[in-house]
Amino acid sequence: MWLALGTKARKPAVDWPPLRVVRFSGAALTHGVDHHMLEGVEVTITSPAKAVADAFKYRNKIGLDVAIEALTEYRRKRGSVDALMKAAAVDRVAVVLRPYLEAIS
């Protein structure tokens, strides 16, 4: 499981599930975050557009094939290109993502 934290936030001391912590600041930490109630507990989950942008941001760690698969699935489910490009701009990967988006559209 991947967990986005602020630059000064402490990493949770948990044994399970295994965590990969990434650090964000400013708009990259707050943009595209949705709040949901699950079993009476409020959780924050990134939007699908932000998740795809993050996949491209960390493509060298997770693999480009995973990022492309996330983009393909996002477009298959008719995800908004505008929302995706806004999230990509916040993550500073719009230039990287655009050719892949054009290739699958």
PDB file of N, CA and C in Angstrom:
ATOM      1  N   MET A   1       0.847  -1.151   0.000  1.00  0.00           N
ATOM      2  CA  MET A   1       0.000   0.000   0.000  1.00  0.00           C
ATOM      3  C   MET A   1       0.909   1.236   0.000  1.00  0.00           C
ATOM      4  N   TRP A   2       0.516   2.199  -0.805  1.00  0.00           N
ATOM      5  CA  TRP A   2       1.250   3.457  -0.893  1.00  0.00           C
ATOM      6  C   TRP A   2       0.546   4.492  -0.028  1.00  0.00           C
ATOM      7  N   LEU A   3       1.322   5.290   0.681  1.00  0.00           N
ATOM      8  CA  LEU A   3       0.785   6.299   1.573  1.00  0.00           C
ATOM      9  C   LEU A   3       1.490   7.624   1.309  1.00  0.00           C
ATOM     10  N   ALA A   4       0.717   8.649   1.002  1.00  0.00           N
ATOM     11  CA  ALA A   4       1.267   9.984   0.782  1.00  0.00           C
ATOM     12  C   ALA A   4       1.192  10.772   2.075  1.00  0.00           C
ATOM     13  N   LEU A   5       2.328  11.310   2.491  1.00  0.00           N
ATOM     14  CA  LEU A   5       2.396  12.097   3.711  1.00  0.00           C
ATOM     15  C   LEU A   5       3.019  13.449   3.416  1.00  0.00           C
ATOM     16  N   GLY A   6       2.748  14.395   4.283  1.00  0.00           N
ATOM     17  CA  GLY A   6       3.401  15.691   4.203  1.00  0.00           C
ATOM     18  C   GLY A   6       4.884  15.548   4.513  1.00  0.00           C
ATOM     19  N   THR A   7       5.646  16.578   4.213  1.00  0.00           N
ATOM     20  CA  THR A   7       7.099  16.489   4.364  1.00  0.00           C
ATOM     21  C   THR A   7       7.543  16.300   5.809  1.00  0.00           C
ATOM     22  N   LYS A   8       6.748  16.793   6.771  1.00  0.00           N
ATOM     23  CA  LYS A   8       7.152  16.688   8.173  1.00  0.00           C
ATOM     24  C   LYS A   8       6.335  15.676   8.971  1.00  0.00           C
ATOM     25  N   ALA A   9       5.410  14.978   8.325  1.00  0.00           N
ATOM     26  CA  ALA A   9       4.559  14.008   9.026  1.00  0.00           C
ATOM     27  C   ALA A   9       5.347  12.747   9.371  1.00  0.00           C
ATOM     28  N   ARG A  10       4.977  12.146  10.482  1.00  0.00           N
ATOM     29  CA  ARG A  10       5.634  10.896  10.890  1.00  0.00           C
ATOM     30  C   ARG A  10       5.079   9.719  10.117  1.00  0.00           C
ATOM     31  N   LYS A  11       5.961   8.788   9.822  1.00  0.00           N
ATOM     32  CA  LYS A  11       5.542   7.545   9.173  1.00  0.00           C
ATOM     33  C   LYS A  11       4.892   6.655  10.233  1.00  0.00           C
ATOM     34  N   PRO A  12       3.708   6.081   9.932  1.00  0.00           N
ATOM     35  CA  PRO A  12       3.059   5.205  10.909  1.00  0.00           C
ATOM     36  C   PRO A  12       3.917   3.970  11.205  1.00  0.00           C
ATOM     37  N   ALA A  13       3.933   3.578  12.451  1.00  0.00           N
ATOM     38  CA  ALA A  13       4.682   2.395  12.865  1.00  0.00           C
ATOM     39  C   ALA A  13       3.740   1.202  12.852  1.00  0.00           C
ATOM     40  N   VAL A  14       3.541   0.611  11.671  1.00  0.00           N
ATOM     41  CA  VAL A  14       2.668  -0.550  11.524  1.00  0.00           C
ATOM     42  C   VAL A  14       3.437  -1.668  10.831  1.00  0.00           C
ATOM     43  N   ASP A  15       3.106  -2.889  11.207  1.00  0.00           N
ATOM     44  CA  ASP A  15       3.729  -4.043  10.561  1.00  0.00           C
ATOM     45  C   ASP A  15       2.946  -4.492   9.333  1.00  0.00           C
ATOM     46  N   TRP A  16       1.620  -4.289   9.399  1.00  0.00           N
ATOM     47  CA  TRP A  16       0.779  -4.712   8.290  1.00  0.00           C
ATOM     48  C   TRP A  16      -0.261  -3.647   8.039  1.00  0.00           C
ATOM     49  N   PRO A  17      -0.585  -3.311   6.871  1.00  0.00           N
ATOM     50  CA  PRO A  17      -0.030  -3.779   5.600  1.00  0.00           C
ATOM     51  C   PRO A  17       1.327  -3.124   5.334  1.00  0.00           C
ATOM     52  N   PRO A  18       2.131  -3.747   4.480  1.00  0.00           N
ATOM     53  CA  PRO A  18       3.411  -3.133   4.142  1.00  0.00           C
ATOM     54  C   PRO A  18       3.171  -1.789   3.452  1.00  0.00           C
ATOM     55  N   LEU A  19       3.893  -0.761   3.878  1.00  0.00           N
ATOM     56  CA  LEU A  19       3.684   0.587   3.363  1.00  0.00           C
ATOM     57  C   LEU A  19       4.878   1.070   2.544  1.00  0.00           C
ATOM     58  N   ARG A  20       4.578   1.782   1.475  1.00  0.00           N
ATOM     59  CA  ARG A  20       5.573   2.570   0.739  1.00  0.00           C
ATOM     60  C   ARG A  20       5.159   4.018   0.946  1.00  0.00           C
ATOM     61  N   VAL A  21       5.948   4.764   1.657  1.00  0.00           N
ATOM     62  CA  VAL A  21       5.625   6.149   1.979  1.00  0.00           C
ATOM     63  C   VAL A  21       6.290   7.072   0.972  1.00  0.00           C
ATOM     64  N   VAL A  22       5.501   7.997   0.441  1.00  0.00           N
ATOM     65  CA  VAL A  22       6.024   9.044  -0.429  1.00  0.00           C
ATOM     66  C   VAL A  22       5.684  10.377   0.221  1.00  0.00           C
ATOM     67  N   ARG A  23       6.545  11.350   0.021  1.00  0.00           N
ATOM     68  CA  ARG A  23       6.374  12.659   0.636  1.00  0.00           C
ATOM     69  C   ARG A  23       5.939  13.678  -0.408  1.00  0.00           C
ATOM     70  N   PHE A  24       4.888  14.413  -0.093  1.00  0.00           N
ATOM     71  CA  PHE A  24       4.390  15.482  -0.947  1.00  0.00           C
ATOM     72  C   PHE A  24       4.295  16.754  -0.122  1.00  0.00           C
ATOM     73  N   SER A  25       4.278  17.881  -0.815  1.00  0.00           N
ATOM     74  CA  SER A  25       4.043  19.151  -0.141  1.00  0.00           C
ATOM     75  C   SER A  25       3.113  19.992  -0.993  1.00  0.00           C
ATOM     76  N   GLY A  26       2.494  20.956  -0.379  1.00  0.00           N
ATOM     77  CA  GLY A  26       1.648  21.899  -1.095  1.00  0.00           C
ATOM     78  C   GLY A  26       0.502  21.245  -1.839  1.00  0.00           C
ATOM     79  N   ALA A  27       0.291  21.700  -3.072  1.00  0.00           N
ATOM     80  CA  ALA A  27      -0.837  21.229  -3.879  1.00  0.00           C
ATOM     81  C   ALA A  27      -0.721  19.747  -4.220  1.00  0.00           C
ATOM     82  N   ALA A  28       0.487  19.236  -4.341  1.00  0.00           N
ATOM     83  CA  ALA A  28       0.656  17.819  -4.668  1.00  0.00           C
ATOM     84  C   ALA A  28       0.098  16.925  -3.562  1.00  0.00           C
ATOM     85  N   LEU A  29       0.068  17.425  -2.332  1.00  0.00           N
ATOM     86  CA  LEU A  29      -0.465  16.649  -1.212  1.00  0.00           C
ATOM     87  C   LEU A  29      -1.982  16.762  -1.110  1.00  0.00           C
ATOM     88  N   THR A  30      -2.546  17.916  -1.465  1.00  0.00           N
ATOM     89  CA  THR A  30      -3.963  18.146  -1.231  1.00  0.00           C
ATOM     90  C   THR A  30      -4.843  18.001  -2.470  1.00  0.00           C
ATOM     91  N   HIS A  31      -4.289  18.177  -3.663  1.00  0.00           N
ATOM     92  CA  HIS A  31      -5.105  18.111  -4.881  1.00  0.00           C
ATOM     93  C   HIS A  31      -5.589  16.680  -5.135  1.00  0.00           C
ATOM     94  N   GLY A  32      -6.857  16.554  -5.462  1.00  0.00           N
ATOM     95  CA  GLY A  32      -7.410  15.258  -5.832  1.00  0.00           C
ATOM     96  C   GLY A  32      -7.659  14.316  -4.674  1.00  0.00           C
ATOM     97  N   VAL A  33      -7.750  14.841  -3.479  1.00  0.00           N
ATOM     98  CA  VAL A  33      -7.994  14.002  -2.309  1.00  0.00           C
ATOM     99  C   VAL A  33      -9.490  14.012  -2.010  1.00  0.00           C
ATOM    100  N   ASP A  34     -10.084  12.834  -1.958  1.00  0.00           N
ATOM    101  CA  ASP A  34     -11.503  12.678  -1.651  1.00  0.00           C
ATOM    102  C   ASP A  34     -11.647  12.098  -0.249  1.00  0.00           C
ATOM    103  N   HIS A  35     -12.668  12.553   0.468  1.00  0.00           N
ATOM    104  CA  HIS A  35     -12.939  12.056   1.815  1.00  0.00           C
ATOM    105  C   HIS A  35     -14.160  11.145   1.754  1.00  0.00           C
ATOM    106  N   HIS A  36     -14.029   9.948   2.317  1.00  0.00           N
ATOM    107  CA  HIS A  36     -15.099   8.949   2.315  1.00  0.00           C
ATOM    108  C   HIS A  36     -15.299   8.403   3.721  1.00  0.00           C
ATOM    109  N   MET A  37     -16.528   7.956   3.996  1.00  0.00           N
ATOM    110  CA  MET A  37     -16.812   7.270   5.248  1.00  0.00           C
ATOM    111  C   MET A  37     -16.857   5.767   4.970  1.00  0.00           C
ATOM    112  N   LEU A  38     -15.983   5.028   5.604  1.00  0.00           N
ATOM    113  CA  LEU A  38     -15.951   3.571   5.476  1.00  0.00           C
ATOM    114  C   LEU A  38     -16.104   2.963   6.864  1.00  0.00           C
ATOM    115  N   GLU A  39     -17.217   2.265   7.058  1.00  0.00           N
ATOM    116  CA  GLU A  39     -17.512   1.615   8.334  1.00  0.00           C
ATOM    117  C   GLU A  39     -17.394   2.589   9.500  1.00  0.00           C
ATOM    118  N   GLY A  40     -17.911   3.812   9.292  1.00  0.00           N
ATOM    119  CA  GLY A  40     -17.930   4.807  10.347  1.00  0.00           C
ATOM    120  C   GLY A  40     -16.633   5.569  10.554  1.00  0.00           C
ATOM    121  N   VAL A  41     -15.640   5.335   9.715  1.00  0.00           N
ATOM    122  CA  VAL A  41     -14.352   6.008   9.847  1.00  0.00           C
ATOM    123  C   VAL A  41     -14.114   6.844   8.594  1.00  0.00           C
ATOM    124  N   GLU A  42     -13.731   8.102   8.787  1.00  0.00           N
ATOM    125  CA  GLU A  42     -13.423   8.946   7.637  1.00  0.00           C
ATOM    126  C   GLU A  42     -12.023   8.620   7.133  1.00  0.00           C
ATOM    127  N   VAL A  43     -11.934   8.315   5.840  1.00  0.00           N
ATOM    128  CA  VAL A  43     -10.647   8.019   5.207  1.00  0.00           C
ATOM    129  C   VAL A  43     -10.461   8.963   4.025  1.00  0.00           C
ATOM    130  N   THR A  44      -9.216   9.228   3.712  1.00  0.00           N
ATOM    131  CA  THR A  44      -8.912  10.053   2.545  1.00  0.00           C
ATOM    132  C   THR A  44      -8.311   9.159   1.475  1.00  0.00           C
ATOM    133  N   ILE A  45      -8.858   9.282   0.274  1.00  0.00           N
ATOM    134  CA  ILE A  45      -8.437   8.469  -0.862  1.00  0.00           C
ATOM    135  C   ILE A  45      -8.236   9.410  -2.038  1.00  0.00           C
ATOM    136  N   THR A  46      -7.192   9.186  -2.808  1.00  0.00           N
ATOM    137  CA  THR A  46      -6.975  10.041  -3.963  1.00  0.00           C
ATOM    138  C   THR A  46      -7.977   9.719  -5.054  1.00  0.00           C
ATOM    139  N   SER A  47      -8.301  10.732  -5.840  1.00  0.00           N
ATOM    140  CA  SER A  47      -9.225  10.555  -6.958  1.00  0.00           C
ATOM    141  C   SER A  47      -8.550   9.687  -8.019  1.00  0.00           C
ATOM    142  N   PRO A  48      -9.336   9.091  -8.910  1.00  0.00           N
ATOM    143  CA  PRO A  48      -8.736   8.283  -9.982  1.00  0.00           C
ATOM    144  C   PRO A  48      -7.746   9.078 -10.836  1.00  0.00           C
ATOM    145  N   ALA A  49      -8.063  10.336 -11.144  1.00  0.00           N
ATOM    146  CA  ALA A  49      -7.146  11.150 -11.954  1.00  0.00           C
ATOM    147  C   ALA A  49      -5.826  11.370 -11.228  1.00  0.00           C
ATOM    148  N   LYS A  50      -5.876  11.640  -9.946  1.00  0.00           N
ATOM    149  CA  LYS A  50      -4.660  11.843  -9.148  1.00  0.00           C
ATOM    150  C   LYS A  50      -3.865  10.548  -9.045  1.00  0.00           C
ATOM    151  N   ALA A  51      -4.557   9.420  -8.925  1.00  0.00           N
ATOM    152  CA  ALA A  51      -3.869   8.133  -8.845  1.00  0.00           C
ATOM    153  C   ALA A  51      -3.087   7.844 -10.124  1.00  0.00           C
ATOM    154  N   VAL A  52      -3.672   8.163 -11.273  1.00  0.00           N
ATOM    155  CA  VAL A  52      -2.975   7.951 -12.552  1.00  0.00           C
ATOM    156  C   VAL A  52      -1.786   8.895 -12.652  1.00  0.00           C
ATOM    157  N   ALA A  53      -1.973  10.155 -12.287  1.00  0.00           N
ATOM    158  CA  ALA A  53      -0.862  11.113 -12.324  1.00  0.00           C
ATOM    159  C   ALA A  53       0.263  10.668 -11.394  1.00  0.00           C
ATOM    160  N   ASP A  54      -0.079  10.177 -10.209  1.00  0.00           N
ATOM    161  CA  ASP A  54       0.924   9.675  -9.273  1.00  0.00           C
ATOM    162  C   ASP A  54       1.650   8.453  -9.832  1.00  0.00           C
ATOM    163  N   ALA A  55       0.919   7.609 -10.552  1.00  0.00           N
ATOM    164  CA  ALA A  55       1.547   6.435 -11.168  1.00  0.00           C
ATOM    165  C   ALA A  55       2.608   6.870 -12.176  1.00  0.00           C
ATOM    166  N   PHE A  56       2.322   7.913 -12.934  1.00  0.00           N
ATOM    167  CA  PHE A  56       3.316   8.412 -13.873  1.00  0.00           C
ATOM    168  C   PHE A  56       4.457   9.128 -13.149  1.00  0.00           C
ATOM    169  N   LYS A  57       4.168   9.758 -12.023  1.00  0.00           N
ATOM    170  CA  LYS A  57       5.219  10.416 -11.251  1.00  0.00           C
ATOM    171  C   LYS A  57       6.205   9.378 -10.709  1.00  0.00           C
ATOM    172  N   TYR A  58       5.698   8.236 -10.303  1.00  0.00           N
ATOM    173  CA  TYR A  58       6.546   7.185  -9.733  1.00  0.00           C
ATOM    174  C   TYR A  58       6.735   6.015 -10.696  1.00  0.00           C
ATOM    175  N   ARG A  59       6.687   6.299 -11.989  1.00  0.00           N
ATOM    176  CA  ARG A  59       6.802   5.245 -13.003  1.00  0.00           C
ATOM    177  C   ARG A  59       8.130   4.492 -12.928  1.00  0.00           C
ATOM    178  N   ASN A  60       9.189   5.132 -12.465  1.00  0.00           N
ATOM    179  CA  ASN A  60      10.471   4.449 -12.357  1.00  0.00           C
ATOM    180  C   ASN A  60      10.510   3.480 -11.183  1.00  0.00           C
ATOM    181  N   LYS A  61       9.633   3.682 -10.194  1.00  0.00           N
ATOM    182  CA  LYS A  61       9.579   2.786  -9.040  1.00  0.00           C
ATOM    183  C   LYS A  61       8.568   1.664  -9.223  1.00  0.00           C
ATOM    184  N   ILE A  62       7.435   1.969  -9.876  1.00  0.00           N
ATOM    185  CA  ILE A  62       6.394   0.949 -10.017  1.00  0.00           C
ATOM    186  C   ILE A  62       6.413   0.286 -11.385  1.00  0.00           C
ATOM    187  N   GLY A  63       7.072   0.917 -12.342  1.00  0.00           N
ATOM    188  CA  GLY A  63       7.135   0.381 -13.696  1.00  0.00           C
ATOM    189  C   GLY A  63       6.237   1.163 -14.641  1.00  0.00           C
ATOM    190  N   LEU A  64       6.765   1.473 -15.797  1.00  0.00           N
ATOM    191  CA  LEU A  64       6.002   2.220 -16.788  1.00  0.00           C
ATOM    192  C   LEU A  64       4.782   1.434 -17.247  1.00  0.00           C
ATOM    193  N   ASP A  65       4.889   0.105 -17.307  1.00  0.00           N
ATOM    194  CA  ASP A  65       3.751  -0.712 -17.728  1.00  0.00           C
ATOM    195  C   ASP A  65       2.566  -0.565 -16.769  1.00  0.00           C
ATOM    196  N   VAL A  66       2.834  -0.419 -15.485  1.00  0.00           N
ATOM    197  CA  VAL A  66       1.763  -0.224 -14.498  1.00  0.00           C
ATOM    198  C   VAL A  66       1.106   1.134 -14.711  1.00  0.00           C
ATOM    199  N   ALA A  67       1.910   2.165 -14.957  1.00  0.00           N
ATOM    200  CA  ALA A  67       1.368   3.506 -15.186  1.00  0.00           C
ATOM    201  C   ALA A  67       0.509   3.534 -16.456  1.00  0.00           C
ATOM    202  N   ILE A  68       0.967   2.891 -17.510  1.00  0.00           N
ATOM    203  CA  ILE A  68       0.204   2.849 -18.761  1.00  0.00           C
ATOM    204  C   ILE A  68      -1.088   2.067 -18.567  1.00  0.00           C
ATOM    205  N   GLU A  69      -1.033   0.984 -17.821  1.00  0.00           N
ATOM    206  CA  GLU A  69      -2.242   0.201 -17.547  1.00  0.00           C
ATOM    207  C   GLU A  69      -3.252   1.029 -16.749  1.00  0.00           C
ATOM    208  N   ALA A  70      -2.767   1.812 -15.782  1.00  0.00           N
ATOM    209  CA  ALA A  70      -3.655   2.678 -15.002  1.00  0.00           C
ATOM    210  C   ALA A  70      -4.309   3.720 -15.905  1.00  0.00           C
ATOM    211  N   LEU A  71      -3.542   4.296 -16.813  1.00  0.00           N
ATOM    212  CA  LEU A  71      -4.075   5.277 -17.747  1.00  0.00           C
ATOM    213  C   LEU A  71      -5.100   4.647 -18.679  1.00  0.00           C
ATOM    214  N   THR A  72      -4.809   3.474 -19.191  1.00  0.00           N
ATOM    215  CA  THR A  72      -5.734   2.772 -20.080  1.00  0.00           C
ATOM    216  C   THR A  72      -7.050   2.470 -19.381  1.00  0.00           C
ATOM    217  N   GLU A  73      -6.972   1.991 -18.154  1.00  0.00           N
ATOM    218  CA  GLU A  73      -8.184   1.678 -17.385  1.00  0.00           C
ATOM    219  C   GLU A  73      -8.964   2.955 -17.068  1.00  0.00           C
ATOM    220  N   TYR A  74      -8.257   4.024 -16.754  1.00  0.00           N
ATOM    221  CA  TYR A  74      -8.908   5.305 -16.474  1.00  0.00           C
ATOM    222  C   TYR A  74      -9.694   5.785 -17.691  1.00  0.00           C
ATOM    223  N   ARG A  75      -9.117   5.710 -18.858  1.00  0.00           N
ATOM    224  CA  ARG A  75      -9.793   6.142 -20.084  1.00  0.00           C
ATOM    225  C   ARG A  75     -10.917   5.182 -20.477  1.00  0.00           C
ATOM    226  N   ARG A  76     -10.730   3.884 -20.219  1.00  0.00           N
ATOM    227  CA  ARG A  76     -11.773   2.908 -20.526  1.00  0.00           C
ATOM    228  C   ARG A  76     -13.036   3.201 -19.719  1.00  0.00           C
ATOM    229  N   LYS A  77     -12.843   3.681 -18.495  1.00  0.00           N
ATOM    230  CA  LYS A  77     -13.989   4.018 -17.640  1.00  0.00           C
ATOM    231  C   LYS A  77     -14.456   5.450 -17.862  1.00  0.00           C
ATOM    232  N   ARG A  78     -13.995   6.046 -18.961  1.00  0.00           N
ATOM    233  CA  ARG A  78     -14.406   7.391 -19.376  1.00  0.00           C
ATOM    234  C   ARG A  78     -14.039   8.463 -18.358  1.00  0.00           C
ATOM    235  N   GLY A  79     -12.860   8.349 -17.783  1.00  0.00           N
ATOM    236  CA  GLY A  79     -12.364   9.367 -16.867  1.00  0.00           C
ATOM    237  C   GLY A  79     -12.113  10.673 -17.605  1.00  0.00           C
ATOM    238  N   SER A  80     -12.283  11.769 -16.934  1.00  0.00           N
ATOM    239  CA  SER A  80     -12.143  13.096 -17.521  1.00  0.00           C
ATOM    240  C   SER A  80     -10.688  13.403 -17.874  1.00  0.00           C
ATOM    241  N   VAL A  81     -10.467  13.785 -19.117  1.00  0.00           N
ATOM    242  CA  VAL A  81      -9.129  14.170 -19.558  1.00  0.00           C
ATOM    243  C   VAL A  81      -8.715  15.467 -18.866  1.00  0.00           C
ATOM    244  N   ASP A  82      -9.663  16.392 -18.676  1.00  0.00           N
ATOM    245  CA  ASP A  82      -9.353  17.656 -18.013  1.00  0.00           C
ATOM    246  C   ASP A  82      -8.878  17.430 -16.575  1.00  0.00           C
ATOM    247  N   ALA A  83      -9.585  16.579 -15.844  1.00  0.00           N
ATOM    248  CA  ALA A  83      -9.196  16.285 -14.466  1.00  0.00           C
ATOM    249  C   ALA A  83      -7.828  15.604 -14.429  1.00  0.00           C
ATOM    250  N   LEU A  84      -7.586  14.713 -15.380  1.00  0.00           N
ATOM    251  CA  LEU A  84      -6.306  14.014 -15.447  1.00  0.00           C
ATOM    252  C   LEU A  84      -5.163  14.979 -15.728  1.00  0.00           C
ATOM    253  N   MET A  85      -5.353  15.873 -16.689  1.00  0.00           N
ATOM    254  CA  MET A  85      -4.289  16.807 -17.030  1.00  0.00           C
ATOM    255  C   MET A  85      -4.045  17.822 -15.920  1.00  0.00           C
ATOM    256  N   LYS A  86      -5.090  18.187 -15.186  1.00  0.00           N
ATOM    257  CA  LYS A  86      -4.899  19.084 -14.043  1.00  0.00           C
ATOM    258  C   LYS A  86      -4.088  18.387 -12.955  1.00  0.00           C
ATOM    259  N   ALA A  87      -4.413  17.134 -12.677  1.00  0.00           N
ATOM    260  CA  ALA A  87      -3.651  16.368 -11.687  1.00  0.00           C
ATOM    261  C   ALA A  87      -2.216  16.160 -12.151  1.00  0.00           C
ATOM    262  N   ALA A  88      -2.032  15.926 -13.442  1.00  0.00           N
ATOM    263  CA  ALA A  88      -0.688  15.743 -13.987  1.00  0.00           C
ATOM    264  C   ALA A  88       0.117  17.036 -13.887  1.00  0.00           C
ATOM    265  N   ALA A  89      -0.528  18.175 -14.080  1.00  0.00           N
ATOM    266  CA  ALA A  89       0.165  19.456 -13.954  1.00  0.00           C
ATOM    267  C   ALA A  89       0.605  19.694 -12.514  1.00  0.00           C
ATOM    268  N   VAL A  90      -0.260  19.345 -11.565  1.00  0.00           N
ATOM    269  CA  VAL A  90       0.089  19.503 -10.145  1.00  0.00           C
ATOM    270  C   VAL A  90       1.275  18.606  -9.799  1.00  0.00           C
ATOM    271  N   ASP A  91       1.294  17.393 -10.339  1.00  0.00           N
ATOM    272  CA  ASP A  91       2.399  16.452 -10.082  1.00  0.00           C
ATOM    273  C   ASP A  91       3.615  16.699 -10.985  1.00  0.00           C
ATOM    274  N   ARG A  92       3.505  17.670 -11.886  1.00  0.00           N
ATOM    275  CA  ARG A  92       4.574  18.034 -12.823  1.00  0.00           C
ATOM    276  C   ARG A  92       4.962  16.874 -13.751  1.00  0.00           C
ATOM    277  N   VAL A  93       3.952  16.137 -14.225  1.00  0.00           N
ATOM    278  CA  VAL A  93       4.194  15.061 -15.178  1.00  0.00           C
ATOM    279  C   VAL A  93       3.335  15.191 -16.428  1.00  0.00           C
ATOM    280  N   ALA A  94       2.762  16.372 -16.657  1.00  0.00           N
ATOM    281  CA  ALA A  94       1.876  16.561 -17.814  1.00  0.00           C
ATOM    282  C   ALA A  94       2.610  16.310 -19.129  1.00  0.00           C
ATOM    283  N   VAL A  95       3.851  16.754 -19.229  1.00  0.00           N
ATOM    284  CA  VAL A  95       4.629  16.570 -20.459  1.00  0.00           C
ATOM    285  C   VAL A  95       4.919  15.089 -20.696  1.00  0.00           C
ATOM    286  N   VAL A  96       5.135  14.348 -19.639  1.00  0.00           N
ATOM    287  CA  VAL A  96       5.411  12.912 -19.748  1.00  0.00           C
ATOM    288  C   VAL A  96       4.143  12.147 -20.093  1.00  0.00           C
ATOM    289  N   LEU A  97       3.034  12.513 -19.462  1.00  0.00           N
ATOM    290  CA  LEU A  97       1.781  11.771 -19.626  1.00  0.00           C
ATOM    291  C   LEU A  97       1.110  12.022 -20.974  1.00  0.00           C
ATOM    292  N   ARG A  98       1.203  13.229 -21.505  1.00  0.00           N
ATOM    293  CA  ARG A  98       0.464  13.610 -22.715  1.00  0.00           C
ATOM    294  C   ARG A  98       0.682  12.660 -23.909  1.00  0.00           C
ATOM    295  N   PRO A  99       1.902  12.261 -24.261  1.00  0.00           N
ATOM    296  CA  PRO A  99       2.054  11.350 -25.408  1.00  0.00           C
ATOM    297  C   PRO A  99       1.359   9.991 -25.216  1.00  0.00           C
ATOM    298  N   TYR A 100       1.379   9.488 -24.005  1.00  0.00           N
ATOM    299  CA  TYR A 100       0.710   8.213 -23.715  1.00  0.00           C
ATOM    300  C   TYR A 100      -0.809   8.373 -23.828  1.00  0.00           C
ATOM    301  N   LEU A 101      -1.313   9.499 -23.348  1.00  0.00           N
ATOM    302  CA  LEU A 101      -2.733   9.787 -23.435  1.00  0.00           C
ATOM    303  C   LEU A 101      -3.159   9.888 -24.890  1.00  0.00           C
ATOM    304  N   GLU A 102      -2.380  10.580 -25.708  1.00  0.00           N
ATOM    305  CA  GLU A 102      -2.711  10.719 -27.139  1.00  0.00           C
ATOM    306  C   GLU A 102      -2.644   9.375 -27.851  1.00  0.00           C
ATOM    307  N   ALA A 103      -1.724   8.525 -27.437  1.00  0.00           N
ATOM    308  CA  ALA A 103      -1.564   7.228 -28.096  1.00  0.00           C
ATOM    309  C   ALA A 103      -2.740   6.298 -27.836  1.00  0.00           C
ATOM    310  N   ILE A 104      -3.347   6.373 -26.659  1.00  0.00           N
ATOM    311  CA  ILE A 104      -4.445   5.455 -26.354  1.00  0.00           C
ATOM    312  C   ILE A 104      -5.807   6.028 -26.675  1.00  0.00           C
ATOM    313  N   SER A 105      -5.892   7.332 -26.962  1.00  0.00           N
ATOM    314  CA  SER A 105      -7.196   7.957 -27.242  1.00  0.00           C
ATOM    315  C   SER A 105      -7.601   7.769 -28.678  1.00  0.00           C
TER     316      SER A 105
END
